[in-house]
């Protein structure tokens, strides 16, 4: 299986720069059929940011919003066709830390979730599986979600985006490994975006997972933090495990605990972090590895089991 965008299969001859963890719209109201309408202003904001990304070399963006949280496949298709940026949509669901899961997710057994994910991957225009765990613990419903993602990965080969908050990535990898998931298919998101030590990132990468350094630009950490972490990963010979992104969103409707930490500029990696990494001694080939080659290999499952 080759990962698809909302407008068709991804090409195997180049994706441009890839941002593997972004959002255009998040809207928790979708769970109760009370989504906030997308106005012309919001649509134009999304279109404009994608054009800016296109103009600085970004060719592919993974939109990590799962169903129930504001995902709109037809809107993503419209924006992709209008801007020329490939948008990869997510099946899956999210954690319970800030809000209950959708009513059709929390009571469903893992095998039912897996069937739903497979259908969306094979027939629904989705290209990745988004799952998540809460801080300090994997709840019973989140464990079912991860098990469903593992089964859907085994059936399709699709890559997994696995959200974490202040750790839990190692626990996630243990579960995936026990379920036969190829760990190079798992992008552990938000690595070292909280209080985790750099050794945590090194351990995740050493196990074979893909690292999502994907909250670049947020106020929790400045560029120096991300530069120092990348330099440490380079010293350890682990740059092939690293991807860079922002976890940006153009409009957020949902819990206040999340709203206060949202961020909307997905150009920081390209315009600020990459130049800072070059000043820190990384070569053009090494930054290209993290912005182009690594996320492409993860998305297309190049070298991984299908």
Protein backbone atom coordinates (compact mmCIF):
# COMPACT_ATOMS: atom_id res chain seq x y z
CA UNK A 1 0.00 0.00 0.00
CA UNK A 2 1.25 3.45 -0.89
CA UNK A 3 -0.01 6.32 1.23
CA UNK A 4 -2.54 8.52 -0.49
CA UNK A 5 -3.39 12.16 -0.29
CA UNK A 6 -6.98 13.40 -0.36
CA UNK A 7 -6.67 13.86 -4.12
CA UNK A 8 -5.05 10.51 -4.97
CA UNK A 9 -1.96 8.35 -4.40
CA UNK A 10 1.23 10.11 -3.41
CA UNK A 11 3.89 10.08 -6.12
CA UNK A 12 6.97 8.00 -5.51
CA UNK A 13 9.29 10.44 -7.31
CA UNK A 14 9.20 13.33 -4.86
CA UNK A 15 6.96 14.97 -2.30
CA UNK A 16 8.85 18.21 -1.75
CA UNK A 17 9.36 19.20 1.85
CA UNK A 18 6.98 17.26 4.10
CA UNK A 19 5.36 18.61 7.26
CA UNK A 20 4.18 15.43 9.01
CA UNK A 21 2.13 16.96 11.83
CA UNK A 22 -0.10 19.96 11.14
CA UNK A 23 -3.79 20.80 11.26
CA UNK A 24 -5.90 23.17 9.22
CA UNK A 25 -9.12 23.05 11.24
CA UNK A 26 -9.91 21.45 14.60
CA UNK A 27 -13.51 21.51 15.82
CA UNK A 28 -14.69 19.35 18.73
CA UNK A 29 -18.25 20.41 17.94
CA UNK A 30 -18.22 17.90 15.08
CA UNK A 31 -18.76 15.14 17.64
CA UNK A 32 -22.24 16.42 18.38
CA UNK A 33 -23.16 17.56 14.88
CA UNK A 34 -22.54 21.12 16.07
CA UNK A 35 -19.45 22.05 14.08
CA UNK A 36 -18.86 25.76 13.61
CA UNK A 37 -19.40 26.70 9.94
CA UNK A 38 -16.30 27.36 7.90
CA UNK A 39 -16.56 30.96 6.77
CA UNK A 40 -15.04 32.44 3.64
CA UNK A 41 -12.50 34.18 5.89
CA UNK A 42 -11.38 30.92 7.48
CA UNK A 43 -11.21 29.19 4.12
CA UNK A 44 -9.07 32.02 2.74
CA UNK A 45 -6.78 31.79 5.78
CA UNK A 46 -6.21 28.10 5.09
CA UNK A 47 -5.68 28.71 1.39
CA UNK A 48 -3.21 31.52 2.05
CA UNK A 49 -1.11 29.53 4.49
CA UNK A 50 -0.90 26.61 2.06
CA UNK A 51 0.20 28.93 -0.72
CA UNK A 52 2.92 30.34 1.56
CA UNK A 53 4.07 26.81 2.28
CA UNK A 54 4.06 25.93 -1.41
CA UNK A 55 6.13 29.01 -2.19
CA UNK A 56 8.85 28.04 0.31
CA UNK A 57 9.09 24.49 -1.00
CA UNK A 58 6.61 22.49 1.08
CA UNK A 59 4.90 19.99 -1.19
CA UNK A 60 3.11 17.70 1.29
CA UNK A 61 1.33 18.31 4.59
CA UNK A 62 -0.12 15.62 6.85
CA UNK A 63 -3.31 16.94 8.44
CA UNK A 64 -3.50 15.07 11.74
CA UNK A 65 -7.13 15.89 12.56
CA UNK A 66 -9.11 12.65 12.96
CA UNK A 67 -12.87 12.22 12.37
CA UNK A 68 -15.02 13.80 15.05
CA UNK A 69 -12.51 16.55 15.69
CA UNK A 70 -13.25 18.72 12.67
CA UNK A 71 -11.83 16.68 9.81
CA UNK A 72 -13.51 17.56 6.50
CA UNK A 73 -12.21 15.46 3.62
CA UNK A 74 -14.04 17.41 0.93
CA UNK A 75 -12.65 20.70 2.25
CA UNK A 76 -9.13 19.26 2.36
CA UNK A 77 -9.52 18.10 -1.24
CA UNK A 78 -10.74 21.53 -2.31
CA UNK A 79 -7.80 23.25 -0.63
CA UNK A 80 -5.28 20.80 -2.07
CA UNK A 81 -6.55 21.29 -5.61
CA UNK A 82 -6.62 25.08 -5.19
CA UNK A 83 -3.06 25.36 -3.86
CA UNK A 84 -1.13 22.41 -5.29
CA UNK A 85 -0.05 21.25 -1.82
CA UNK A 86 -0.69 17.55 -1.23
CA UNK A 87 -2.76 17.03 1.92
CA UNK A 88 -2.70 13.65 3.64
CA UNK A 89 -5.75 13.07 5.84
CA UNK A 90 -5.96 11.02 9.03
CA UNK A 91 -8.24 8.27 10.20
CA UNK A 92 -8.12 7.28 13.88
CA UNK A 93 -9.04 9.26 16.99
CA UNK A 94 -7.58 11.18 19.94
CA UNK A 95 -6.89 10.81 23.67
CA UNK A 96 -9.21 11.35 26.62
CA UNK A 97 -7.04 13.80 28.54
CA UNK A 98 -9.03 16.93 27.73
CA UNK A 99 -12.32 15.61 26.34
CA UNK A 100 -14.13 12.27 25.96
CA UNK A 101 -13.56 10.46 22.70
CA UNK A 102 -16.36 10.51 20.09
CA UNK A 103 -19.42 8.45 21.02
CA UNK A 104 -18.71 5.91 18.27
CA UNK A 105 -15.09 5.44 19.37
CA UNK A 106 -14.97 4.95 23.14
CA UNK A 107 -17.39 1.94 23.32
CA UNK A 108 -16.02 0.21 20.21
CA UNK A 109 -13.73 -2.83 20.60
CA UNK A 110 -10.31 -2.73 19.00
CA UNK A 111 -11.28 -4.95 16.06
CA UNK A 112 -14.21 -2.71 15.15
CA UNK A 113 -11.95 0.35 15.29
CA UNK A 114 -9.42 -1.45 13.09
CA UNK A 115 -12.08 -2.26 10.49
CA UNK A 116 -13.17 1.38 10.46
CA UNK A 117 -9.59 2.58 10.01
CA UNK A 118 -8.90 0.11 7.21
CA UNK A 119 -12.02 1.20 5.36
CA UNK A 120 -10.99 4.85 5.55
CA UNK A 121 -7.47 4.01 4.41
CA UNK A 122 -8.59 1.85 1.50
CA UNK A 123 -11.74 3.64 0.38
CA UNK A 124 -12.06 6.90 2.30
CA UNK A 125 -9.13 8.96 1.06
CA UNK A 126 -7.05 8.79 4.26
CA UNK A 127 -3.33 8.10 4.32
CA UNK A 128 -2.26 7.85 7.98
CA UNK A 129 -3.65 6.55 11.28
CA UNK A 130 -3.73 9.14 14.11
CA UNK A 131 -3.92 7.86 17.69
CA UNK A 132 -3.06 9.31 21.10
CA UNK A 133 -2.52 8.68 24.79
CA UNK A 134 -2.95 10.89 27.84
CA UNK A 135 -0.31 12.18 30.24
CA UNK A 136 1.23 9.53 32.54
CA UNK A 137 -1.17 6.72 31.61
CA UNK A 138 -2.77 4.89 28.71
CA UNK A 139 -6.48 4.62 29.48
CA UNK A 140 -8.49 1.53 28.55
CA UNK A 141 -10.15 3.34 25.64
CA UNK A 142 -6.81 4.68 24.41
CA UNK A 143 -5.31 1.18 24.56
CA UNK A 144 -8.14 -0.08 22.32
CA UNK A 145 -7.37 2.79 19.97
CA UNK A 146 -3.70 1.84 19.75
CA UNK A 147 -4.57 -1.84 19.28
CA UNK A 148 -6.96 -0.90 16.49
CA UNK A 149 -4.25 1.19 14.85
CA UNK A 150 -1.79 -1.70 15.09
CA UNK A 151 -4.25 -4.07 13.42
CA UNK A 152 -5.02 -1.53 10.68
CA UNK A 153 -1.31 -1.04 10.10
CA UNK A 154 -0.77 -4.77 9.75
CA UNK A 155 -3.63 -4.96 7.25
CA UNK A 156 -2.61 -1.98 5.12
CA UNK A 157 0.96 -0.99 5.92
CA UNK A 158 -0.24 2.55 6.66
CA UNK A 159 1.96 4.74 8.87
CA UNK A 160 0.87 5.73 12.38
CA UNK A 161 1.03 9.19 13.99
CA UNK A 162 1.06 8.56 17.75
CA UNK A 163 0.39 11.63 19.94
CA UNK A 164 2.09 11.88 23.33
CA UNK A 165 2.03 14.41 26.16
CA UNK A 166 5.17 14.67 28.34
CA UNK A 167 6.27 11.16 27.51
CA UNK A 168 4.49 7.79 27.15
CA UNK A 169 6.19 7.15 23.82
CA UNK A 170 8.17 4.21 25.17
CA UNK A 171 5.00 2.62 26.53
CA UNK A 172 3.32 3.13 23.18
CA UNK A 173 6.22 1.48 21.35
CA UNK A 174 6.11 -1.50 23.70
CA UNK A 175 2.45 -2.04 22.81
CA UNK A 176 3.03 -1.60 19.08
CA UNK A 177 5.98 -3.98 19.13
CA UNK A 178 3.92 -6.64 20.93
CA UNK A 179 1.29 -6.28 18.18
CA UNK A 180 3.73 -6.79 15.32
CA UNK A 181 4.00 -3.17 14.18
CA UNK A 182 7.15 -2.17 12.34
CA UNK A 183 8.41 0.65 14.58
CA UNK A 184 9.73 2.64 11.65
CA UNK A 185 6.06 3.05 10.70
CA UNK A 186 5.37 4.86 13.99
CA UNK A 187 5.94 8.59 14.24
CA UNK A 188 5.94 9.42 17.96
CA UNK A 189 4.65 12.97 18.12
CA UNK A 190 5.58 15.90 20.36
CA UNK A 191 8.88 14.38 21.47
CA UNK A 192 10.65 16.65 24.01
CA UNK A 193 7.99 19.32 23.63
CA UNK A 194 7.40 19.24 27.37
CA UNK A 195 9.70 18.35 30.24
CA UNK A 196 11.18 15.16 28.76
CA UNK A 197 15.00 14.94 28.83
CA UNK A 198 16.90 14.55 25.58
CA UNK A 199 17.75 10.96 26.57
CA UNK A 200 14.07 10.14 26.04
CA UNK A 201 14.35 11.12 22.37
CA UNK A 202 17.54 9.12 22.00
CA UNK A 203 15.89 6.03 23.45
CA UNK A 204 12.85 6.29 21.18
CA UNK A 205 15.03 6.69 18.10
CA UNK A 206 17.33 3.85 19.12
CA UNK A 207 14.30 1.54 19.20
CA UNK A 208 13.62 2.41 15.54
CA UNK A 209 10.69 4.81 15.87
CA UNK A 210 10.41 8.04 13.92
CA UNK A 211 10.71 11.14 16.10
CA UNK A 212 8.25 13.96 15.68
CA UNK A 213 9.99 17.16 16.78
CA UNK A 214 6.74 18.76 15.82
CA UNK A 215 5.90 21.63 18.10
CA UNK A 216 8.45 24.01 16.64
CA UNK A 217 7.43 27.63 17.12
CA UNK A 218 5.31 27.09 20.24
CA UNK A 219 6.13 29.19 23.29
CA UNK A 220 7.01 26.17 25.44
CA UNK A 221 10.46 25.96 23.83
CA UNK A 222 12.52 28.34 21.72
CA UNK A 223 14.58 27.47 18.67
CA UNK A 224 17.69 26.87 20.81
CA UNK A 225 15.96 23.89 22.45
CA UNK A 226 15.24 22.22 19.11
CA UNK A 227 18.71 22.99 17.75
CA UNK A 228 20.36 21.47 20.81
CA UNK A 229 18.18 18.36 20.57
CA UNK A 230 18.93 17.86 16.88
CA UNK A 231 22.66 18.32 17.52
CA UNK A 232 22.46 15.67 20.25
CA UNK A 233 20.66 13.28 17.89
CA UNK A 234 23.30 13.92 15.24
CA UNK A 235 26.07 13.05 17.71
CA UNK A 236 24.27 9.78 18.40
CA UNK A 237 23.98 8.97 14.69
CA UNK A 238 20.17 9.11 14.79
CA UNK A 239 19.27 11.87 12.32
CA UNK A 240 17.58 9.34 10.03
CA UNK A 241 14.86 9.02 12.69
CA UNK A 242 14.03 12.75 12.90
CA UNK A 243 11.16 14.73 11.37
CA UNK A 244 10.31 18.41 11.92
CA UNK A 245 6.89 20.05 12.07
CA UNK A 246 4.77 22.55 14.04
CA UNK A 247 1.40 21.12 15.17
CA UNK A 248 -0.12 24.33 13.80
CA UNK A 249 -3.84 24.99 13.35
CA UNK A 250 -5.63 27.76 11.48
CA UNK A 251 -8.85 27.62 13.52
CA UNK A 252 -9.39 25.78 16.80
CA UNK A 253 -12.78 25.17 18.40
CA UNK A 254 -12.54 23.02 21.51
CA UNK A 255 -11.39 22.74 25.12
CA UNK A 256 -9.91 25.89 26.62
CA UNK A 257 -6.97 23.90 28.05
CA UNK A 258 -5.85 23.23 24.48
CA UNK A 259 -6.91 26.51 22.90
CA UNK A 260 -4.42 28.47 24.98
CA UNK A 261 -1.54 26.46 23.53
CA UNK A 262 -2.39 26.56 19.83
CA UNK A 263 -0.06 28.02 17.21
CA UNK A 264 -0.75 29.00 13.62
CA UNK A 265 2.51 29.55 11.69
CA UNK A 266 3.71 26.40 9.86
CA UNK A 267 6.61 28.20 8.15
CA UNK A 268 8.96 28.37 11.17
CA UNK A 269 10.78 25.10 10.41
CA UNK A 270 11.72 26.27 6.93
CA UNK A 271 12.37 29.94 7.55
CA UNK A 272 13.88 29.86 11.05
CA UNK A 273 14.80 26.40 12.36
CA UNK A 274 16.62 25.13 9.28
CA UNK A 275 18.83 28.27 9.07
CA UNK A 276 19.53 27.95 12.82
CA UNK A 277 20.53 24.30 12.34
CA UNK A 278 22.88 25.28 9.52
CA UNK A 279 24.51 27.89 11.78
CA UNK A 280 24.94 25.15 14.39
CA UNK A 281 26.99 23.11 11.92
CA UNK A 282 24.52 20.80 10.20
CA UNK A 283 24.98 20.41 6.47
CA UNK A 284 22.38 21.06 3.80
CA UNK A 285 22.20 17.30 3.27
CA UNK A 286 21.46 16.71 6.96
CA UNK A 287 18.66 19.27 7.13
CA UNK A 288 17.21 17.92 3.86
CA UNK A 289 17.23 14.46 5.44
CA UNK A 290 14.94 15.66 8.23
CA UNK A 291 12.63 17.85 6.15
CA UNK A 292 12.33 15.72 3.00
CA UNK A 293 13.81 12.22 3.10
CA UNK A 294 12.81 10.95 6.55
CA UNK A 295 9.12 11.96 6.41
CA UNK A 296 8.90 10.69 2.81
CA UNK A 297 10.33 7.30 3.85
CA UNK A 298 7.87 7.13 6.75
CA UNK A 299 4.87 8.13 4.63
CA UNK A 300 5.59 5.87 1.68
CA UNK A 301 6.90 3.07 3.93
CA UNK A 302 10.07 2.87 1.88
CA UNK A 303 12.11 0.03 3.27
CA UNK A 304 9.33 -0.96 5.69
CA UNK A 305 6.96 -3.90 5.73
CA UNK A 306 3.68 -3.58 3.84
